[in-house]
Amino acid sequence: MEYNVTRLCQTLEVSPSGYYAWRDRPENTRAKCNRQLVRKISLFHKASRKIYGSPRIHQDLVDTGEQIGVNRVARLMMKHGIQSKMAKSLSLQPTRRILCNQRQTGLNVTLMSKCRIRHGYRILLLSQRVRDGCLAT
């Protein structure tokens, strides 16, 4: 759907001449540099099999002679959707505890499963039906 430039400029409260001046203006130096950096970041990211995040990509850029900050690399990566793969957590057998009343059978109990993850523990709560009394771990 195409709109009239004059109507769009009125809606955005800008002058048509200002719009045309902005449209015809050459790309600034910072934008050109960012475009080239994103190309290099993308190449380093693909070369690392999409594993490296912004700190390692930054180090690769510094090693090639670029003078750039780690926050700028992180910002450009985020803006362009370049993201590292998350490490797969080991799925070991979780530690399980079942809480129930030993006198009753056929009741709902809570299964608490502790799974080790990278920065602490994640506790999963599940409901399970017990038929032959209480299970213990």
C-alpha atoms as a PDB file:
ATOM      1  CA  MET A   1       0.000   0.000   0.000  1.00  0.00           C
ATOM      2  CA  GLU A   2       1.498   3.323  -1.011  1.00  0.00           C
ATOM      3  CA  TYR A   3       0.744   6.645   0.607  1.00  0.00           C
ATOM      4  CA  ASN A   4       1.192  10.204  -0.497  1.00  0.00           C
ATOM      5  CA  VAL A   5       4.456  11.693   0.814  1.00  0.00           C
ATOM      6  CA  THR A   6       2.741  14.958   1.707  1.00  0.00           C
ATOM      7  CA  ARG A   7       0.126  13.195   3.824  1.00  0.00           C
ATOM      8  CA  LEU A   8       2.787  11.098   5.598  1.00  0.00           C
ATOM      9  CA  CYS A   9       4.844  14.212   6.337  1.00  0.00           C
ATOM     10  CA  GLN A  10       1.759  15.940   7.771  1.00  0.00           C
ATOM     11  CA  THR A  11       1.050  12.920   9.965  1.00  0.00           C
ATOM     12  CA  LEU A  12       4.639  12.820  11.241  1.00  0.00           C
ATOM     13  CA  GLU A  13       4.731  16.626  11.516  1.00  0.00           C
ATOM     14  CA  VAL A  14       7.801  17.044   9.295  1.00  0.00           C
ATOM     15  CA  SER A  15       8.219  19.103   6.147  1.00  0.00           C
ATOM     16  CA  PRO A  16       8.391  17.322   2.780  1.00  0.00           C
ATOM     17  CA  SER A  17      11.649  19.099   1.978  1.00  0.00           C
ATOM     18  CA  GLY A  18      13.129  17.827   5.267  1.00  0.00           C
ATOM     19  CA  TYR A  19      12.055  14.283   4.367  1.00  0.00           C
ATOM     20  CA  TYR A  20      13.670  14.473   0.922  1.00  0.00           C
ATOM     21  CA  ALA A  21      16.845  15.996   2.398  1.00  0.00           C
ATOM     22  CA  TRP A  22      17.021  13.124   4.914  1.00  0.00           C
ATOM     23  CA  ARG A  23      16.371  10.506   2.213  1.00  0.00           C
ATOM     24  CA  ASP A  24      19.059  11.855  -0.128  1.00  0.00           C
ATOM     25  CA  ARG A  25      21.638  12.361   2.623  1.00  0.00           C
ATOM     26  CA  PRO A  26      24.638   9.985   2.375  1.00  0.00           C
ATOM     27  CA  GLU A  27      25.153   7.347   5.032  1.00  0.00           C
ATOM     28  CA  ASN A  28      27.234   8.623   7.942  1.00  0.00           C
ATOM     29  CA  THR A  29      30.643   7.223   8.871  1.00  0.00           C
ATOM     30  CA  ARG A  30      29.441   5.475  12.027  1.00  0.00           C
ATOM     31  CA  ALA A  31      26.718   3.579  10.142  1.00  0.00           C
ATOM     32  CA  LYS A  32      29.219   2.485   7.463  1.00  0.00           C
ATOM     33  CA  CYS A  33      31.644   1.302  10.132  1.00  0.00           C
ATOM     34  CA  ASN A  34      28.851  -0.570  11.958  1.00  0.00           C
ATOM     35  CA  ARG A  35      27.823  -2.298   8.725  1.00  0.00           C
ATOM     36  CA  GLN A  36      31.413  -3.466   8.134  1.00  0.00           C
ATOM     37  CA  LEU A  37      31.753  -4.580  11.764  1.00  0.00           C
ATOM     38  CA  VAL A  38      28.535  -6.603  11.573  1.00  0.00           C
ATOM     39  CA  ARG A  39      29.920  -8.340   8.490  1.00  0.00           C
ATOM     40  CA  LYS A  40      33.144  -9.220  10.378  1.00  0.00           C
ATOM     41  CA  ILE A  41      31.222 -10.245  13.502  1.00  0.00           C
ATOM     42  CA  SER A  42      29.043 -12.519  11.396  1.00  0.00           C
ATOM     43  CA  LEU A  43      32.099 -14.138   9.790  1.00  0.00           C
ATOM     44  CA  PHE A  44      33.790 -14.771  13.155  1.00  0.00           C
ATOM     45  CA  HIS A  45      30.511 -16.078  14.565  1.00  0.00           C
ATOM     46  CA  LYS A  46      30.069 -18.542  11.695  1.00  0.00           C
ATOM     47  CA  ALA A  47      33.727 -19.597  11.931  1.00  0.00           C
ATOM     48  CA  SER A  48      33.189 -20.503  15.592  1.00  0.00           C
ATOM     49  CA  ARG A  49      30.178 -22.667  14.605  1.00  0.00           C
ATOM     50  CA  LYS A  50      27.926 -20.033  16.240  1.00  0.00           C
ATOM     51  CA  ILE A  51      29.333 -20.823  19.674  1.00  0.00           C
ATOM     52  CA  TYR A  52      31.187 -17.596  20.493  1.00  0.00           C
ATOM     53  CA  GLY A  53      29.429 -14.769  22.296  1.00  0.00           C
ATOM     54  CA  SER A  54      30.328 -11.098  22.342  1.00  0.00           C
ATOM     55  CA  PRO A  55      33.430 -11.340  24.599  1.00  0.00           C
ATOM     56  CA  ARG A  56      35.185 -13.875  22.365  1.00  0.00           C
ATOM     57  CA  ILE A  57      34.076 -12.169  19.158  1.00  0.00           C
ATOM     58  CA  HIS A  58      35.447  -8.921  20.622  1.00  0.00           C
ATOM     59  CA  GLN A  59      38.775 -10.624  21.312  1.00  0.00           C
ATOM     60  CA  ASP A  60      38.902 -11.942  17.736  1.00  0.00           C
ATOM     61  CA  LEU A  61      38.266  -8.441  16.395  1.00  0.00           C
ATOM     62  CA  VAL A  62      40.980  -6.954  18.626  1.00  0.00           C
ATOM     63  CA  ASP A  63      43.389  -9.665  17.466  1.00  0.00           C
ATOM     64  CA  THR A  64      42.799  -8.576  13.868  1.00  0.00           C
ATOM     65  CA  GLY A  65      43.584  -4.944  14.704  1.00  0.00           C
ATOM     66  CA  GLU A  66      40.102  -3.480  15.223  1.00  0.00           C
ATOM     67  CA  GLN A  67      39.768  -0.882  17.964  1.00  0.00           C
ATOM     68  CA  ILE A  68      36.319  -1.586  19.356  1.00  0.00           C
ATOM     69  CA  GLY A  69      34.712  -2.016  22.755  1.00  0.00           C
ATOM     70  CA  VAL A  70      33.063  -5.188  23.977  1.00  0.00           C
ATOM     71  CA  ASN A  71      29.778  -3.352  24.633  1.00  0.00           C
ATOM     72  CA  ARG A  72      29.609  -2.130  21.043  1.00  0.00           C
ATOM     73  CA  VAL A  73      30.125  -5.698  19.813  1.00  0.00           C
ATOM     74  CA  ALA A  74      27.384  -6.915  22.163  1.00  0.00           C
ATOM     75  CA  ARG A  75      25.013  -4.155  21.016  1.00  0.00           C
ATOM     76  CA  LEU A  76      25.603  -4.887  17.318  1.00  0.00           C
ATOM     77  CA  MET A  77      25.189  -8.625  17.864  1.00  0.00           C
ATOM     78  CA  MET A  78      21.926  -8.086  19.727  1.00  0.00           C
ATOM     79  CA  LYS A  79      20.600  -5.626  17.141  1.00  0.00           C
ATOM     80  CA  HIS A  80      21.279  -8.033  14.263  1.00  0.00           C
ATOM     81  CA  GLY A  81      20.147 -11.208  16.056  1.00  0.00           C
ATOM     82  CA  ILE A  82      23.592 -12.815  16.256  1.00  0.00           C
ATOM     83  CA  GLN A  83      23.493 -15.039  19.319  1.00  0.00           C
ATOM     84  CA  SER A  84      25.683 -17.814  20.648  1.00  0.00           C
ATOM     85  CA  LYS A  85      24.376 -21.322  21.136  1.00  0.00           C
ATOM     86  CA  MET A  86      23.574 -22.164  24.712  1.00  0.00           C
ATOM     87  CA  ALA A  87      25.642 -24.941  26.233  1.00  0.00           C
ATOM     88  CA  LYS A  88      23.742 -28.177  26.652  1.00  0.00           C
ATOM     89  CA  SER A  89      23.364 -29.084  30.293  1.00  0.00           C
ATOM     90  CA  LEU A  90      24.169 -32.602  31.340  1.00  0.00           C
ATOM     91  CA  SER A  91      21.040 -34.608  31.963  1.00  0.00           C
ATOM     92  CA  LEU A  92      22.177 -36.852  34.757  1.00  0.00           C
ATOM     93  CA  GLN A  93      19.731 -38.834  36.807  1.00  0.00           C
ATOM     94  CA  PRO A  94      18.062 -36.290  39.063  1.00  0.00           C
ATOM     95  CA  THR A  95      17.867 -36.742  42.806  1.00  0.00           C
ATOM     96  CA  ARG A  96      14.283 -37.596  43.661  1.00  0.00           C
ATOM     97  CA  ARG A  97      12.328 -37.389  46.879  1.00  0.00           C
ATOM     98  CA  ILE A  98       8.716 -38.399  47.154  1.00  0.00           C
ATOM     99  CA  LEU A  99       6.689 -36.972  50.003  1.00  0.00           C
ATOM    100  CA  CYS A 100       3.601 -38.875  51.064  1.00  0.00           C
ATOM    101  CA  ASN A 101       1.704 -40.276  53.995  1.00  0.00           C
ATOM    102  CA  GLN A 102       2.673 -43.938  54.558  1.00  0.00           C
ATOM    103  CA  ARG A 103      -0.732 -44.876  55.996  1.00  0.00           C
ATOM    104  CA  GLN A 104      -2.698 -44.068  52.860  1.00  0.00           C
ATOM    105  CA  THR A 105      -2.550 -45.686  49.452  1.00  0.00           C
ATOM    106  CA  GLY A 106      -3.818 -44.265  46.190  1.00  0.00           C
ATOM    107  CA  LEU A 107      -3.102 -40.656  47.117  1.00  0.00           C
ATOM    108  CA  ASN A 108      -1.503 -37.876  45.147  1.00  0.00           C
ATOM    109  CA  VAL A 109       2.069 -37.219  46.163  1.00  0.00           C
ATOM    110  CA  THR A 110       4.585 -34.617  45.117  1.00  0.00           C
ATOM    111  CA  LEU A 111       7.723 -35.673  43.313  1.00  0.00           C
ATOM    112  CA  MET A 112      10.509 -33.203  43.869  1.00  0.00           C
ATOM    113  CA  SER A 113      13.288 -33.561  41.357  1.00  0.00           C
ATOM    114  CA  LYS A 114      16.496 -31.585  41.679  1.00  0.00           C
ATOM    115  CA  CYS A 115      18.304 -31.149  38.369  1.00  0.00           C
ATOM    116  CA  ARG A 116      21.759 -29.598  38.309  1.00  0.00           C
ATOM    117  CA  ILE A 117      21.971 -26.642  35.967  1.00  0.00           C
ATOM    118  CA  ARG A 118      24.755 -24.187  35.310  1.00  0.00           C
ATOM    119  CA  HIS A 119      24.312 -21.642  38.117  1.00  0.00           C
ATOM    120  CA  GLY A 120      22.462 -23.519  40.833  1.00  0.00           C
ATOM    121  CA  TYR A 121      19.585 -25.936  41.052  1.00  0.00           C
ATOM    122  CA  ARG A 122      16.224 -26.059  39.378  1.00  0.00           C
ATOM    123  CA  ILE A 123      13.474 -27.813  41.345  1.00  0.00           C
ATOM    124  CA  LEU A 124      10.721 -29.477  39.381  1.00  0.00           C
ATOM    125  CA  LEU A 125       7.445 -30.300  41.112  1.00  0.00           C
ATOM    126  CA  LEU A 126       5.362 -33.057  39.602  1.00  0.00           C
ATOM    127  CA  SER A 127       2.254 -34.842  40.799  1.00  0.00           C
ATOM    128  CA  GLN A 128       2.231 -38.628  40.783  1.00  0.00           C
ATOM    129  CA  ARG A 129      -0.353 -41.212  41.778  1.00  0.00           C
ATOM    130  CA  VAL A 130       0.869 -43.887  44.194  1.00  0.00           C
ATOM    131  CA  ARG A 131      -1.034 -47.172  44.407  1.00  0.00           C
ATOM    132  CA  ASP A 132       1.039 -49.533  46.517  1.00  0.00           C
ATOM    133  CA  GLY A 133       1.918 -47.334  49.428  1.00  0.00           C
ATOM    134  CA  CYS A 134       4.650 -44.765  49.725  1.00  0.00           C
ATOM    135  CA  LEU A 135       7.814 -44.824  47.654  1.00  0.00           C
ATOM    136  CA  ALA A 136      11.055 -43.758  49.281  1.00  0.00           C
ATOM    137  CA  THR A 137      14.424 -42.827  47.829  1.00  0.00           C
END
